[in-house]
Amino acid sequence: MATTRLMPLHVGKGRTVAEALGRTTDYVKNLEKTDGGELVSAYQCNPAIVDQEFLFSSPNSTSCSR
């Protein structure tokens, strides 16, 4: 079973939380590393917009602009 944890990857790099999440999820969904997306799955979220869904579910979120 895979697990994830969110770390403040945007701090000190001039990125917003939305930009950091977008870059991270894009990296995880890389087609070359996931057999063309075959190894990407989701539970109660849409993999195509997972970064936006993460932001909406965050209690500190006010927008999803990337």
PDB file of N, CA and C in Angstrom:
ATOM      1  N   MET A   1       0.847  -1.163   0.000  1.00  0.00           N
ATOM      2  CA  MET A   1       0.000   0.000   0.000  1.00  0.00           C
ATOM      3  C   MET A   1       0.899   1.234   0.000  1.00  0.00           C
ATOM      4  N   ALA A   2       0.599   2.169  -0.870  1.00  0.00           N
ATOM      5  CA  ALA A   2       1.359   3.409  -0.949  1.00  0.00           C
ATOM      6  C   ALA A   2       0.807   4.433   0.023  1.00  0.00           C
ATOM      7  N   THR A   3       1.692   5.238   0.549  1.00  0.00           N
ATOM      8  CA  THR A   3       1.261   6.332   1.423  1.00  0.00           C
ATOM      9  C   THR A   3       1.885   7.623   0.926  1.00  0.00           C
ATOM     10  N   THR A   4       1.280   8.717   1.286  1.00  0.00           N
ATOM     11  CA  THR A   4       1.833  10.012   0.904  1.00  0.00           C
ATOM     12  C   THR A   4       1.856  10.914   2.115  1.00  0.00           C
ATOM     13  N   ARG A   5       2.693  11.895   2.056  1.00  0.00           N
ATOM     14  CA  ARG A   5       2.666  12.948   3.056  1.00  0.00           C
ATOM     15  C   ARG A   5       2.984  14.244   2.348  1.00  0.00           C
ATOM     16  N   LEU A   6       2.347  15.293   2.775  1.00  0.00           N
ATOM     17  CA  LEU A   6       2.558  16.589   2.165  1.00  0.00           C
ATOM     18  C   LEU A   6       3.590  17.359   2.975  1.00  0.00           C
ATOM     19  N   MET A   7       4.605  17.832   2.281  1.00  0.00           N
ATOM     20  CA  MET A   7       5.634  18.627   2.922  1.00  0.00           C
ATOM     21  C   MET A   7       5.603  20.016   2.291  1.00  0.00           C
ATOM     22  N   PRO A   8       6.043  21.014   3.005  1.00  0.00           N
ATOM     23  CA  PRO A   8       6.022  22.375   2.452  1.00  0.00           C
ATOM     24  C   PRO A   8       7.112  22.572   1.396  1.00  0.00           C
ATOM     25  N   LEU A   9       6.909  22.011   0.220  1.00  0.00           N
ATOM     26  CA  LEU A   9       7.911  22.079  -0.836  1.00  0.00           C
ATOM     27  C   LEU A   9       8.016  23.455  -1.471  1.00  0.00           C
ATOM     28  N   HIS A  10       7.057  24.309  -1.216  1.00  0.00           N
ATOM     29  CA  HIS A  10       7.076  25.628  -1.828  1.00  0.00           C
ATOM     30  C   HIS A  10       7.858  26.644  -1.004  1.00  0.00           C
ATOM     31  N   VAL A  11       8.069  26.365   0.251  1.00  0.00           N
ATOM     32  CA  VAL A  11       8.730  27.323   1.135  1.00  0.00           C
ATOM     33  C   VAL A  11      10.165  27.554   0.673  1.00  0.00           C
ATOM     34  N   GLY A  12      10.528  28.803   0.520  1.00  0.00           N
ATOM     35  CA  GLY A  12      11.892  29.149   0.143  1.00  0.00           C
ATOM     36  C   GLY A  12      12.203  28.993  -1.325  1.00  0.00           C
ATOM     37  N   LYS A  13      11.259  28.572  -2.116  1.00  0.00           N
ATOM     38  CA  LYS A  13      11.505  28.400  -3.542  1.00  0.00           C
ATOM     39  C   LYS A  13      10.658  29.345  -4.376  1.00  0.00           C
ATOM     40  N   GLY A  14       9.938  30.246  -3.723  1.00  0.00           N
ATOM     41  CA  GLY A  14       9.135  31.219  -4.447  1.00  0.00           C
ATOM     42  C   GLY A  14       7.897  30.646  -5.106  1.00  0.00           C
ATOM     43  N   ARG A  15       7.435  29.496  -4.647  1.00  0.00           N
ATOM     44  CA  ARG A  15       6.243  28.866  -5.221  1.00  0.00           C
ATOM     45  C   ARG A  15       5.074  28.977  -4.253  1.00  0.00           C
ATOM     46  N   THR A  16       3.889  29.000  -4.818  1.00  0.00           N
ATOM     47  CA  THR A  16       2.690  28.922  -3.994  1.00  0.00           C
ATOM     48  C   THR A  16       2.443  27.455  -3.664  1.00  0.00           C
ATOM     49  N   VAL A  17       1.557  27.207  -2.732  1.00  0.00           N
ATOM     50  CA  VAL A  17       1.184  25.832  -2.401  1.00  0.00           C
ATOM     51  C   VAL A  17       0.599  25.153  -3.632  1.00  0.00           C
ATOM     52  N   ALA A  18      -0.235  25.871  -4.383  1.00  0.00           N
ATOM     53  CA  ALA A  18      -0.854  25.295  -5.582  1.00  0.00           C
ATOM     54  C   ALA A  18       0.199  24.902  -6.615  1.00  0.00           C
ATOM     55  N   GLU A  19       1.196  25.744  -6.818  1.00  0.00           N
ATOM     56  CA  GLU A  19       2.261  25.416  -7.775  1.00  0.00           C
ATOM     57  C   GLU A  19       3.058  24.201  -7.321  1.00  0.00           C
ATOM     58  N   ALA A  20       3.374  24.141  -6.032  1.00  0.00           N
ATOM     59  CA  ALA A  20       4.136  23.008  -5.505  1.00  0.00           C
ATOM     60  C   ALA A  20       3.347  21.704  -5.637  1.00  0.00           C
ATOM     61  N   LEU A  21       2.056  21.747  -5.301  1.00  0.00           N
ATOM     62  CA  LEU A  21       1.225  20.544  -5.451  1.00  0.00           C
ATOM     63  C   LEU A  21       1.130  20.118  -6.908  1.00  0.00           C
ATOM     64  N   GLY A  22       0.943  21.080  -7.796  1.00  0.00           N
ATOM     65  CA  GLY A  22       0.850  20.766  -9.223  1.00  0.00           C
ATOM     66  C   GLY A  22       2.108  20.102  -9.744  1.00  0.00           C
ATOM     67  N   ARG A  23       3.260  20.645  -9.380  1.00  0.00           N
ATOM     68  CA  ARG A  23       4.528  20.059  -9.831  1.00  0.00           C
ATOM     69  C   ARG A  23       4.729  18.659  -9.253  1.00  0.00           C
ATOM     70  N   THR A  24       4.366  18.489  -7.992  1.00  0.00           N
ATOM     71  CA  THR A  24       4.535  17.185  -7.347  1.00  0.00           C
ATOM     72  C   THR A  24       3.619  16.132  -7.964  1.00  0.00           C
ATOM     73  N   THR A  25       2.352  16.465  -8.141  1.00  0.00           N
ATOM     74  CA  THR A  25       1.438  15.477  -8.720  1.00  0.00           C
ATOM     75  C   THR A  25       1.751  15.216 -10.183  1.00  0.00           C
ATOM     76  N   ASP A  26       2.218  16.224 -10.916  1.00  0.00           N
ATOM     77  CA  ASP A  26       2.643  15.994 -12.303  1.00  0.00           C
ATOM     78  C   ASP A  26       3.809  15.018 -12.346  1.00  0.00           C
ATOM     79  N   TYR A  27       4.749  15.153 -11.419  1.00  0.00           N
ATOM     80  CA  TYR A  27       5.887  14.246 -11.346  1.00  0.00           C
ATOM     81  C   TYR A  27       5.430  12.816 -11.045  1.00  0.00           C
ATOM     82  N   VAL A  28       4.516  12.673 -10.097  1.00  0.00           N
ATOM     83  CA  VAL A  28       4.031  11.343  -9.709  1.00  0.00           C
ATOM     84  C   VAL A  28       3.270  10.679 -10.850  1.00  0.00           C
ATOM     85  N   LYS A  29       2.580  11.469 -11.672  1.00  0.00           N
ATOM     86  CA  LYS A  29       1.778  10.923 -12.768  1.00  0.00           C
ATOM     87  C   LYS A  29       2.563  10.834 -14.079  1.00  0.00           C
ATOM     88  N   ASN A  30       3.867  11.019 -14.047  1.00  0.00           N
ATOM     89  CA  ASN A  30       4.705  10.992 -15.239  1.00  0.00           C
ATOM     90  C   ASN A  30       4.428   9.731 -16.059  1.00  0.00           C
ATOM     91  N   LEU A  31       4.012   9.923 -17.303  1.00  0.00           N
ATOM     92  CA  LEU A  31       3.629   8.792 -18.157  1.00  0.00           C
ATOM     93  C   LEU A  31       4.771   7.820 -18.399  1.00  0.00           C
ATOM     94  N   GLU A  32       6.004   8.313 -18.467  1.00  0.00           N
ATOM     95  CA  GLU A  32       7.148   7.433 -18.690  1.00  0.00           C
ATOM     96  C   GLU A  32       7.406   6.509 -17.498  1.00  0.00           C
ATOM     97  N   LYS A  33       7.044   6.947 -16.308  1.00  0.00           N
ATOM     98  CA  LYS A  33       7.300   6.165 -15.101  1.00  0.00           C
ATOM     99  C   LYS A  33       6.110   5.321 -14.675  1.00  0.00           C
ATOM    100  N   THR A  34       4.964   5.511 -15.328  1.00  0.00           N
ATOM    101  CA  THR A  34       3.745   4.812 -14.902  1.00  0.00           C
ATOM    102  C   THR A  34       3.137   3.972 -16.015  1.00  0.00           C
ATOM    103  N   ASP A  35       3.976   3.476 -16.906  1.00  0.00           N
ATOM    104  CA  ASP A  35       3.504   2.675 -18.040  1.00  0.00           C
ATOM    105  C   ASP A  35       2.373   3.377 -18.787  1.00  0.00           C
ATOM    106  N   GLY A  36       2.622   4.629 -19.147  1.00  0.00           N
ATOM    107  CA  GLY A  36       1.628   5.399 -19.895  1.00  0.00           C
ATOM    108  C   GLY A  36       0.386   5.732 -19.077  1.00  0.00           C
ATOM    109  N   GLY A  37       0.521   5.760 -17.758  1.00  0.00           N
ATOM    110  CA  GLY A  37      -0.601   6.080 -16.883  1.00  0.00           C
ATOM    111  C   GLY A  37      -1.314   4.850 -16.337  1.00  0.00           C
ATOM    112  N   GLU A  38      -0.904   3.668 -16.771  1.00  0.00           N
ATOM    113  CA  GLU A  38      -1.539   2.433 -16.301  1.00  0.00           C
ATOM    114  C   GLU A  38      -1.393   2.229 -14.796  1.00  0.00           C
ATOM    115  N   LEU A  39      -0.317   2.730 -14.220  1.00  0.00           N
ATOM    116  CA  LEU A  39      -0.066   2.521 -12.800  1.00  0.00           C
ATOM    117  C   LEU A  39      -0.625   3.636 -11.920  1.00  0.00           C
ATOM    118  N   VAL A  40      -1.352   4.577 -12.525  1.00  0.00           N
ATOM    119  CA  VAL A  40      -1.952   5.679 -11.775  1.00  0.00           C
ATOM    120  C   VAL A  40      -3.398   5.323 -11.461  1.00  0.00           C
ATOM    121  N   SER A  41      -3.740   5.364 -10.197  1.00  0.00           N
ATOM    122  CA  SER A  41      -5.126   5.120  -9.790  1.00  0.00           C
ATOM    123  C   SER A  41      -5.487   6.123  -8.708  1.00  0.00           C
ATOM    124  N   ALA A  42      -6.753   6.171  -8.389  1.00  0.00           N
ATOM    125  CA  ALA A  42      -7.202   7.139  -7.387  1.00  0.00           C
ATOM    126  C   ALA A  42      -8.363   6.562  -6.595  1.00  0.00           C
ATOM    127  N   TYR A  43      -8.538   7.098  -5.408  1.00  0.00           N
ATOM    128  CA  TYR A  43      -9.657   6.720  -4.560  1.00  0.00           C
ATOM    129  C   TYR A  43     -10.349   8.000  -4.124  1.00  0.00           C
ATOM    130  N   GLN A  44     -11.576   8.168  -4.531  1.00  0.00           N
ATOM    131  CA  GLN A  44     -12.403   9.325  -4.210  1.00  0.00           C
ATOM    132  C   GLN A  44     -11.795  10.648  -4.654  1.00  0.00           C
ATOM    133  N   CYS A  45     -11.059  10.622  -5.773  1.00  0.00           N
ATOM    134  CA  CYS A  45     -10.575  11.849  -6.396  1.00  0.00           C
ATOM    135  C   CYS A  45     -10.297  11.554  -7.870  1.00  0.00           C
ATOM    136  N   ASN A  46     -10.163  12.599  -8.637  1.00  0.00           N
ATOM    137  CA  ASN A  46      -9.900  12.485 -10.063  1.00  0.00           C
ATOM    138  C   ASN A  46      -8.412  12.725 -10.295  1.00  0.00           C
ATOM    139  N   PRO A  47      -7.664  11.744 -10.804  1.00  0.00           N
ATOM    140  CA  PRO A  47      -6.229  11.928 -11.000  1.00  0.00           C
ATOM    141  C   PRO A  47      -5.881  13.111 -11.901  1.00  0.00           C
ATOM    142  N   ALA A  48      -6.769  13.479 -12.808  1.00  0.00           N
ATOM    143  CA  ALA A  48      -6.485  14.586 -13.720  1.00  0.00           C
ATOM    144  C   ALA A  48      -6.438  15.928 -12.997  1.00  0.00           C
ATOM    145  N   ILE A  49      -7.187  16.061 -11.912  1.00  0.00           N
ATOM    146  CA  ILE A  49      -7.235  17.337 -11.188  1.00  0.00           C
ATOM    147  C   ILE A  49      -6.968  17.150  -9.692  1.00  0.00           C
ATOM    148  N   VAL A  50      -6.184  16.159  -9.364  1.00  0.00           N
ATOM    149  CA  VAL A  50      -5.953  15.820  -7.959  1.00  0.00           C
ATOM    150  C   VAL A  50      -5.325  16.976  -7.183  1.00  0.00           C
ATOM    151  N   ASP A  51      -4.442  17.751  -7.796  1.00  0.00           N
ATOM    152  CA  ASP A  51      -3.830  18.863  -7.070  1.00  0.00           C
ATOM    153  C   ASP A  51      -4.878  19.894  -6.659  1.00  0.00           C
ATOM    154  N   GLN A  52      -5.838  20.169  -7.539  1.00  0.00           N
ATOM    155  CA  GLN A  52      -6.909  21.106  -7.207  1.00  0.00           C
ATOM    156  C   GLN A  52      -7.816  20.535  -6.113  1.00  0.00           C
ATOM    157  N   GLU A  53      -8.089  19.236  -6.182  1.00  0.00           N
ATOM    158  CA  GLU A  53      -8.923  18.608  -5.162  1.00  0.00           C
ATOM    159  C   GLU A  53      -8.223  18.618  -3.799  1.00  0.00           C
ATOM    160  N   PHE A  54      -6.914  18.416  -3.781  1.00  0.00           N
ATOM    161  CA  PHE A  54      -6.164  18.509  -2.529  1.00  0.00           C
ATOM    162  C   PHE A  54      -6.312  19.906  -1.932  1.00  0.00           C
ATOM    163  N   LEU A  55      -6.192  20.917  -2.786  1.00  0.00           N
ATOM    164  CA  LEU A  55      -6.310  22.290  -2.297  1.00  0.00           C
ATOM    165  C   LEU A  55      -7.701  22.577  -1.748  1.00  0.00           C
ATOM    166  N   PHE A  56      -8.732  22.120  -2.445  1.00  0.00           N
ATOM    167  CA  PHE A  56     -10.100  22.339  -1.972  1.00  0.00           C
ATOM    168  C   PHE A  56     -10.351  21.650  -0.635  1.00  0.00           C
ATOM    169  N   SER A  57      -9.692  20.518  -0.406  1.00  0.00           N
ATOM    170  CA  SER A  57      -9.929  19.775   0.834  1.00  0.00           C
ATOM    171  C   SER A  57      -9.129  20.335   2.007  1.00  0.00           C
ATOM    172  N   SER A  58      -8.175  21.188   1.727  1.00  0.00           N
ATOM    173  CA  SER A  58      -7.350  21.765   2.785  1.00  0.00           C
ATOM    174  C   SER A  58      -8.115  22.845   3.537  1.00  0.00           C
ATOM    175  N   PRO A  59      -8.088  22.814   4.864  1.00  0.00           N
ATOM    176  CA  PRO A  59      -8.796  23.846   5.632  1.00  0.00           C
ATOM    177  C   PRO A  59      -8.185  25.236   5.476  1.00  0.00           C
ATOM    178  N   ASN A  60      -6.943  25.327   5.020  1.00  0.00           N
ATOM    179  CA  ASN A  60      -6.272  26.611   4.849  1.00  0.00           C
ATOM    180  C   ASN A  60      -6.364  27.158   3.444  1.00  0.00           C
ATOM    181  N   SER A  61      -7.043  26.457   2.561  1.00  0.00           N
ATOM    182  CA  SER A  61      -7.098  26.835   1.160  1.00  0.00           C
ATOM    183  C   SER A  61      -8.146  27.904   0.898  1.00  0.00           C
ATOM    184  N   THR A  62      -7.790  28.834   0.023  1.00  0.00           N
ATOM    185  CA  THR A  62      -8.766  29.848  -0.405  1.00  0.00           C
ATOM    186  C   THR A  62      -8.904  29.875  -1.912  1.00  0.00           C
ATOM    187  N   SER A  63      -7.938  29.302  -2.638  1.00  0.00           N
ATOM    188  CA  SER A  63      -8.056  29.294  -4.095  1.00  0.00           C
ATOM    189  C   SER A  63      -7.250  28.148  -4.674  1.00  0.00           C
ATOM    190  N   CYS A  64      -7.473  27.871  -5.938  1.00  0.00           N
ATOM    191  CA  CYS A  64      -6.759  26.784  -6.603  1.00  0.00           C
ATOM    192  C   CYS A  64      -6.000  27.275  -7.816  1.00  0.00           C
ATOM    193  N   SER A  65      -5.632  28.504  -7.858  1.00  0.00           N
ATOM    194  CA  SER A  65      -4.897  28.997  -9.017  1.00  0.00           C
ATOM    195  C   SER A  65      -3.499  28.422  -9.034  1.00  0.00           C
ATOM    196  N   ARG A  66      -3.069  28.041 -10.208  1.00  0.00           N
ATOM    197  CA  ARG A  66      -1.765  27.407 -10.370  1.00  0.00           C
ATOM    198  C   ARG A  66      -0.839  28.306 -11.061  1.00  0.00           C
TER     199      ARG A  66
END
